[in-house]
Protein backbone atom coordinates (compact mmCIF):
# COMPACT_ATOMS: atom_id res chain seq x y z
CA MET A 1 193.02 115.92 32.59
CA GLN A 2 192.90 113.16 30.09
CA ILE A 3 193.71 109.42 30.03
CA THR A 4 196.58 108.80 27.70
CA GLY A 5 196.90 105.06 27.84
CA ILE A 6 196.48 101.77 29.91
CA GLU A 7 199.41 99.49 30.46
CA GLN A 8 198.80 95.88 31.61
CA THR A 9 201.34 93.71 33.31
CA HIS A 10 200.99 90.18 34.51
CA LEU A 11 202.22 89.70 38.19
CA ASP A 12 202.98 86.34 39.72
CA GLY A 13 203.83 85.99 43.41
CA ALA A 14 205.00 82.80 45.08
CA VAL A 15 202.97 80.90 47.72
CA ASP A 16 205.01 79.02 50.34
CA GLY A 17 203.09 75.79 49.97
CA MET A 18 199.85 74.75 48.29
CA PHE A 19 196.50 76.48 48.70
CA TYR A 20 193.32 74.52 48.01
CA PRO A 21 190.44 77.04 47.52
CA THR A 22 186.93 75.67 47.68
CA TRP A 23 185.96 77.68 44.71
CA ILE A 24 188.39 75.93 42.30
CA PRO A 25 187.73 72.23 43.16
CA GLY A 26 190.79 70.05 42.62
CA TYR A 27 193.03 72.84 41.53
CA PRO A 28 195.55 73.75 44.16
CA GLN A 29 197.38 77.10 43.84
CA SER A 30 201.15 77.58 44.35
CA THR A 31 201.25 81.13 42.99
CA HIS A 32 199.20 84.37 43.30
CA GLU A 33 198.58 85.58 39.77
CA LEU A 34 196.95 88.99 38.83
CA GLU A 35 196.73 91.53 36.13
CA LEU A 36 197.92 94.96 37.00
CA PHE A 37 196.60 98.01 35.10
CA GLU A 38 198.23 101.33 35.05
CA VAL A 39 195.95 104.07 33.88
CA GLN A 40 198.14 106.99 32.72
CA THR A 41 197.21 110.59 32.36
CA ASP A 42 198.54 113.75 30.67
CA GLU A 43 199.24 115.30 34.04
CA GLY A 44 201.64 112.55 35.11
CA ILE A 45 199.31 110.92 37.63
CA THR A 46 198.86 107.17 37.32
CA GLY A 47 196.09 105.14 38.83
CA TYR A 48 196.44 101.54 39.58
CA ALA A 49 193.88 98.64 39.35
CA ALA A 50 194.21 94.89 39.38
CA SER A 51 192.06 91.91 38.50
CA PRO A 52 192.44 88.20 39.32
CA SER A 53 194.31 86.20 36.71
CA PHE A 54 194.19 82.65 35.46
CA ALA A 55 196.68 80.86 33.27
CA GLY A 56 198.58 83.99 32.56
CA GLY A 57 195.48 86.14 32.12
CA LEU A 58 193.94 87.82 29.07
CA GLU A 59 195.74 90.71 27.31
CA TYR A 60 193.17 93.42 27.05
CA GLY A 61 194.79 96.62 28.35
CA ASP A 62 195.18 97.96 24.82
CA GLN A 63 191.49 97.38 24.06
CA LEU A 64 190.58 99.16 27.34
CA GLY A 65 192.76 102.00 26.14
CA LEU A 66 190.75 102.28 22.93
CA PHE A 67 187.64 102.91 25.01
CA LEU A 68 189.12 105.26 27.52
CA THR A 69 192.00 107.21 25.99
CA GLY A 70 191.01 110.82 25.90
CA GLU A 71 188.50 110.53 28.65
CA ASP A 72 188.69 112.68 31.86
CA PRO A 73 189.17 110.21 34.74
CA HIS A 74 187.01 112.43 36.91
CA ASN A 75 184.02 111.58 34.68
CA ILE A 76 183.25 108.49 36.56
CA ASP A 77 179.60 108.21 35.26
CA GLY A 78 180.54 108.70 31.62
CA ILE A 79 183.36 106.05 31.81
CA LEU A 80 181.04 103.63 33.58
CA GLN A 81 178.79 103.86 30.56
CA LYS A 82 181.74 102.88 28.35
CA LEU A 83 182.69 100.03 30.80
CA GLU A 84 179.10 98.77 30.32
CA THR A 85 179.95 98.25 26.63
CA VAL A 86 183.18 96.46 27.61
CA ASN A 87 181.22 94.34 29.99
CA LEU A 88 178.92 93.43 27.13
CA VAL A 89 181.74 91.91 25.03
CA GLY A 90 183.94 90.87 28.00
CA PRO A 91 185.89 90.43 30.11
CA ARG A 92 184.42 92.19 33.24
CA PRO A 93 185.91 95.70 33.57
CA TRP A 94 184.70 96.82 36.97
CA HIS A 95 188.14 96.57 38.60
CA LEU A 96 189.38 99.32 36.23
CA GLU A 97 187.18 101.87 37.99
CA MET A 98 189.28 101.74 41.11
CA ALA A 99 192.17 103.24 39.09
CA LEU A 100 190.01 106.25 38.26
CA TRP A 101 189.35 106.85 41.95
CA ASP A 102 193.13 106.42 42.60
CA ILE A 103 193.81 109.20 40.14
CA ILE A 104 191.09 111.46 41.39
CA GLY A 105 192.26 111.09 44.98
CA LYS A 106 195.88 111.69 44.01
CA ASP A 107 194.90 114.79 42.09
CA ALA A 108 192.77 116.10 45.04
CA GLY A 109 195.25 114.94 47.70
CA LYS A 110 192.56 112.96 49.50
CA PRO A 111 191.93 109.30 50.15
CA VAL A 112 189.01 107.80 48.24
CA TYR A 113 186.79 107.39 51.32
CA GLU A 114 187.03 111.09 51.92
CA LEU A 115 185.98 111.80 48.32
CA LEU A 116 182.96 109.61 49.14
CA GLY A 117 182.05 111.83 52.11
CA ALA A 118 183.17 109.44 54.83
CA GLU A 119 185.60 109.44 57.77
CA ALA A 120 188.03 106.64 58.41
CA THR A 121 187.10 104.28 61.20
CA ASP A 122 188.34 100.99 62.64
CA ILE A 123 186.36 98.21 61.13
CA PRO A 124 186.20 94.78 62.86
CA CYS A 125 187.75 92.02 60.73
CA TYR A 126 186.57 88.47 60.56
CA ALA A 127 189.31 85.94 59.63
CA SER A 128 188.24 84.33 56.40
CA THR A 129 189.28 80.79 55.60
CA GLY A 130 189.54 79.64 52.04
CA GLU A 131 189.65 75.78 52.49
CA TYR A 132 187.33 73.20 53.92
CA LYS A 133 189.09 71.42 56.77
CA PRO A 134 187.76 69.04 59.41
CA ALA A 135 187.30 70.41 62.93
CA ASP A 136 190.35 68.92 64.40
CA GLU A 137 192.47 70.73 61.83
CA ARG A 138 190.68 74.06 62.42
CA VAL A 139 190.81 74.34 66.26
CA ASP A 140 194.46 75.62 66.46
CA TYR A 141 193.83 77.97 63.57
CA ILE A 142 190.84 79.50 65.26
CA GLN A 143 192.61 79.86 68.51
CA ASP A 144 195.49 81.62 66.77
CA ARG A 145 193.10 84.04 65.27
CA ILE A 146 191.42 84.76 68.53
CA ASP A 147 194.78 85.36 70.18
CA GLU A 148 195.57 87.85 67.39
CA GLY A 149 192.38 89.83 68.21
CA PHE A 150 189.82 88.60 65.71
CA GLU A 151 186.32 88.44 67.01
CA ALA A 152 184.85 86.24 64.32
CA VAL A 153 185.86 83.48 61.84
CA LYS A 154 184.35 82.33 58.56
CA LEU A 155 184.38 78.61 57.84
CA ARG A 156 184.18 77.01 54.37
CA VAL A 157 182.01 74.00 53.64
CA THR A 158 181.21 72.10 50.47
CA GLU A 159 178.84 69.31 51.53
CA VAL A 160 175.67 69.34 53.60
CA GLU A 161 177.35 66.85 55.94
CA HIS A 162 179.93 69.44 56.88
CA ILE A 163 177.39 70.87 59.34
CA GLU A 164 178.90 68.31 61.74
CA MET A 165 182.24 70.14 61.44
CA VAL A 166 180.56 73.44 62.24
CA LYS A 167 178.92 71.89 65.27
CA GLU A 168 182.26 70.58 66.50
CA ILE A 169 183.79 73.94 66.14
CA ARG A 170 180.93 75.43 68.19
CA ASP A 171 181.63 72.86 70.92
CA HIS A 172 185.27 74.17 71.10
CA PHE A 173 184.29 77.86 70.86
CA PRO A 174 180.86 78.32 72.40
CA ASP A 175 180.84 82.12 72.20
CA LEU A 176 182.63 82.84 68.96
CA PRO A 177 180.57 84.50 66.12
CA LEU A 178 180.80 82.35 63.04
CA MET A 179 180.16 82.95 59.35
CA VAL A 180 179.74 79.96 57.08
CA ASP A 181 180.48 80.03 53.27
CA ALA A 182 179.17 77.19 51.04
CA ASN A 183 180.60 78.71 47.81
CA LYS A 184 177.68 77.48 45.68
CA GLY A 185 177.13 80.90 44.04
CA TRP A 186 179.90 80.21 41.51
CA ALA A 187 182.87 78.09 40.94
CA VAL A 188 185.87 77.71 38.49
CA ARG A 189 185.48 74.33 36.92
CA VAL A 190 188.93 73.01 36.03
CA MET A 191 189.72 69.60 37.37
CA GLU A 192 186.59 68.57 39.23
CA GLU A 193 182.91 69.50 39.29
CA GLU A 194 181.77 71.25 42.44
CA THR A 195 178.98 69.77 44.56
CA LYS A 196 175.75 71.67 43.93
CA TRP A 197 173.01 72.12 46.61
CA SER A 198 169.30 72.15 46.05
CA LEU A 199 167.01 74.37 47.92
CA SER A 200 166.14 71.55 50.22
CA ASP A 201 169.93 70.99 50.79
CA ALA A 202 170.38 74.58 51.72
CA VAL A 203 167.35 74.57 54.06
CA GLU A 204 168.65 71.48 55.80
CA PHE A 205 172.02 73.04 56.30
CA ALA A 206 170.64 76.33 57.43
CA ARG A 207 168.45 74.64 60.04
CA GLY A 208 171.53 72.89 61.28
CA LEU A 209 173.18 76.30 61.72
CA GLU A 210 170.16 77.36 63.72
CA GLU A 211 171.19 74.69 66.20
CA VAL A 212 174.76 75.89 66.15
CA GLY A 213 173.63 79.38 67.20
CA ASN A 214 175.54 82.77 66.83
CA VAL A 215 175.95 82.38 63.08
CA ARG A 216 176.14 85.80 61.51
CA TRP A 217 175.32 84.47 58.03
CA LEU A 218 175.22 81.48 55.63
CA GLU A 219 176.91 82.67 52.45
CA GLU A 220 176.02 81.54 48.84
CA PRO A 221 174.37 78.19 49.49
CA LEU A 222 172.74 78.51 46.05
CA PRO A 223 173.60 79.78 42.52
CA ARG A 224 174.13 83.53 42.45
CA HIS A 225 171.25 84.24 39.94
CA ASP A 226 168.51 82.20 41.72
CA TYR A 227 166.84 85.15 43.35
CA ARG A 228 163.58 83.30 44.03
CA ALA A 229 165.25 80.24 45.70
CA TYR A 230 167.26 82.67 47.93
CA ALA A 231 163.96 84.34 48.96
CA ARG A 232 162.34 80.99 49.66
CA LEU A 233 165.38 79.98 51.79
CA ARG A 234 165.09 83.16 53.88
CA GLU A 235 161.49 82.29 54.51
CA LYS A 236 162.44 78.84 55.89
CA THR A 237 165.34 79.87 58.18
CA ASP A 238 166.32 82.33 60.89
CA VAL A 239 169.97 82.29 59.82
CA PRO A 240 170.79 85.40 57.79
CA ILE A 241 171.59 84.74 54.15
CA ALA A 242 174.43 86.41 52.33
CA GLY A 243 175.60 86.53 48.78
CA GLY A 244 176.37 88.48 45.55
CA GLU A 245 180.13 88.63 45.57
CA PHE A 246 180.46 87.78 41.90
CA ASN A 247 177.15 89.05 40.49
CA ASN A 248 177.58 91.48 37.67
CA GLY A 249 176.49 95.07 38.11
CA THR A 250 173.93 96.88 40.16
CA HIS A 251 170.90 95.47 38.34
CA HIS A 252 171.57 92.01 39.91
CA PHE A 253 171.30 93.58 43.34
CA ARG A 254 168.02 95.22 42.42
CA GLU A 255 166.79 91.70 41.74
CA PHE A 256 167.99 90.59 45.09
CA ALA A 257 166.28 93.47 46.74
CA LYS A 258 163.06 93.05 44.77
CA HIS A 259 162.83 89.37 45.63
CA GLU A 260 163.91 90.01 49.27
CA SER A 261 166.65 87.43 48.71
CA LEU A 262 169.42 88.49 51.00
CA ASP A 263 170.23 89.74 54.51
CA VAL A 264 173.82 90.61 53.61
CA PHE A 265 174.82 92.11 50.23
CA GLN A 266 178.46 91.32 49.32
CA PRO A 267 179.46 92.67 45.98
CA ASP A 268 183.21 92.86 45.44
CA ALA A 269 184.26 96.20 44.04
CA ALA A 270 186.98 94.47 41.98
CA LEU A 271 184.61 91.77 40.55
CA ALA A 272 181.06 92.97 40.62
CA THR A 273 180.45 96.75 40.82
CA GLY A 274 183.44 98.96 41.16
CA ILE A 275 183.60 101.51 43.99
CA LYS A 276 180.79 103.97 42.96
CA GLN A 277 178.28 101.35 42.20
CA GLY A 278 179.32 99.46 45.31
CA VAL A 279 178.30 102.47 47.30
CA GLU A 280 175.05 102.53 45.52
CA VAL A 281 174.35 98.89 46.29
CA ALA A 282 175.19 99.62 49.94
CA ALA A 283 172.50 102.28 49.94
CA MET A 284 170.08 99.88 48.31
CA ALA A 285 170.86 97.31 50.97
CA GLN A 286 170.27 99.84 53.68
CA GLU A 287 166.93 100.81 52.20
CA PHE A 288 165.95 97.12 52.05
CA GLY A 289 167.09 96.62 55.73
CA ALA A 290 170.11 94.50 54.79
CA LYS A 291 173.79 94.83 55.66
CA PHE A 292 176.67 95.50 53.29
CA VAL A 293 179.88 93.43 53.75
CA PRO A 294 181.86 93.10 50.51
CA HIS A 295 183.76 90.02 49.52
CA THR A 296 187.52 90.83 49.44
CA TRP A 297 189.29 87.69 48.13
CA THR A 298 191.21 89.09 45.11
CA ASN A 299 194.43 90.91 45.79
CA ALA A 300 195.69 93.92 47.81
CA LEU A 301 194.49 96.54 45.34
CA GLY A 302 190.97 94.98 45.31
CA PHE A 303 191.12 94.79 49.10
CA ALA A 304 191.92 98.57 49.14
CA ALA A 305 189.04 99.38 46.78
CA ASN A 306 186.65 97.33 48.98
CA LEU A 307 188.03 98.89 52.17
CA HIS A 308 187.27 102.45 50.97
CA THR A 309 183.83 101.28 49.75
CA MET A 310 182.91 99.74 53.11
CA THR A 311 184.28 102.72 55.00
CA ALA A 312 181.88 105.01 52.84
CA ALA A 313 179.05 102.53 53.45
CA GLY A 314 179.58 101.99 57.21
CA SER A 315 180.09 98.30 57.03
CA ASP A 316 180.20 96.51 60.39
CA TRP A 317 182.57 93.81 59.27
CA CYS A 318 185.59 93.49 56.95
CA GLU A 319 186.45 90.17 55.40
CA TYR A 320 190.17 89.49 56.03
CA PRO A 321 191.58 86.63 53.90
CA MET A 322 193.67 84.40 56.19
CA GLU A 323 194.34 80.82 55.13
CA PRO A 324 198.00 79.92 55.60
CA PRO A 325 199.87 79.73 53.25
CA TRP A 326 197.50 82.30 51.77
CA THR A 327 198.37 85.11 54.11
CA PRO A 328 198.37 88.92 53.85
CA ASP A 329 202.02 88.99 52.69
CA VAL A 330 200.95 86.74 49.72
CA TRP A 331 197.91 88.70 48.60
CA SER A 332 199.83 91.95 49.13
CA PHE A 333 203.13 90.98 47.44
CA MET A 334 202.85 93.67 44.91
CA LEU A 335 202.77 96.45 47.50
CA GLU A 336 205.52 98.10 49.46
CA GLU A 337 203.36 97.69 52.66
CA GLY A 338 200.57 95.23 52.90
CA PHE A 339 197.28 95.28 54.91
CA GLU A 340 198.18 94.02 58.34
CA HIS A 341 195.26 94.06 60.78
CA ASP A 342 195.59 95.77 64.19
CA GLU A 343 194.39 93.33 66.78
CA GLY A 344 191.51 92.26 64.63
CA THR A 345 190.56 95.63 63.22
CA ILE A 346 191.49 97.54 60.01
CA ARG A 347 191.28 101.06 58.77
CA ALA A 348 191.24 102.44 55.27
CA PRO A 349 194.62 104.04 54.16
CA ASP A 350 194.68 107.80 54.61
CA GLU A 351 197.10 108.56 51.72
CA PRO A 352 195.69 110.05 48.57
CA GLY A 353 193.77 107.84 46.22
CA LEU A 354 193.65 104.18 47.05
CA GLY A 355 196.49 104.98 49.51
CA VAL A 356 198.70 102.12 48.42
CA LYS A 357 202.25 102.16 46.85
CA LEU A 358 203.36 99.52 44.34
CA ASP A 359 206.59 97.64 44.93
CA GLU A 360 208.71 99.05 42.10
CA ASP A 361 211.09 96.07 42.16
CA VAL A 362 208.25 93.61 41.69
CA LEU A 363 206.81 95.64 38.90
CA ALA A 364 210.15 96.17 37.17
CA GLU A 365 210.85 92.41 37.22
CA ALA A 366 207.47 91.53 35.90
CA LYS A 367 207.81 93.96 33.04
CA ALA A 368 211.27 92.57 32.22
CA GLU A 369 209.76 89.12 31.90
CA ASP A 370 206.89 90.34 29.50
């Protein structure tokens, strides 16, 4: 089998309202934009991949085709070496690897997780918010998630003073496991500069979380490359520290492991590693004694890739993006069927490849507009 070409299409789904993500300060989103890549083969099997998009995205499908046309999609290791070259000159190419697994699985008639030697299992979801909101605006949201079957919720914060919000939430929900994301690992700087935390800020906030209790982790309170600062933070708090969602390649996670920087490794297969290297990072985390719970905030294809990866890795949580109006129907708009949870749990698709089907009407409309 050979790759014959790569077609890129810009997709744009509507959001019913405004979404104010903490990682893009001052830049509300009213659409969900992504770049869809169709990796075509001479045997008529097409694999799909997607990456986040901004301002219409970059057109680089043809350039990727120059690197990969003629390659056998089964040769994951060889293609990863070529993607390393793409990564050198930009943009990040790791999302493309999910299309290779989609092809291999369709060719074999097996879901990706099975190709990786795993069995499907129900994974508990935590409801992942995307905005900072004061406690009085969060209580009903959290109760709704509990009523739906979720057993944990992740809160977003941007300031050290937001520890008071977390404490108020704990007063309302004394037994609920919480995750807290400071989003200091990276940010898209468009309209406003994000608030940065020093190590002492992170220590102060983490010690506040110690008082809150039952906090599963504090996520990315520091820049994503400051491995030593993360290690020092771990020494100064009992709250587990998580990060790495947007780090680039496995070598960054070797640095995290070498410096003993993290309790929870979170590489997103669509952003940081791809599927194969994500499984390798999971093994690295296990050897280090850390957990592996990938970031999933991209789109439904990225979610699928991460779901297969965490199934293979035996992750004990799945991040489930849920911040109305940014709901599963929004981040799955390009699929015939989205990723609805089942009373707070989710299972990897059992259809061949990634196990998802593109909505042909959405795709045809987007191509007509190109």
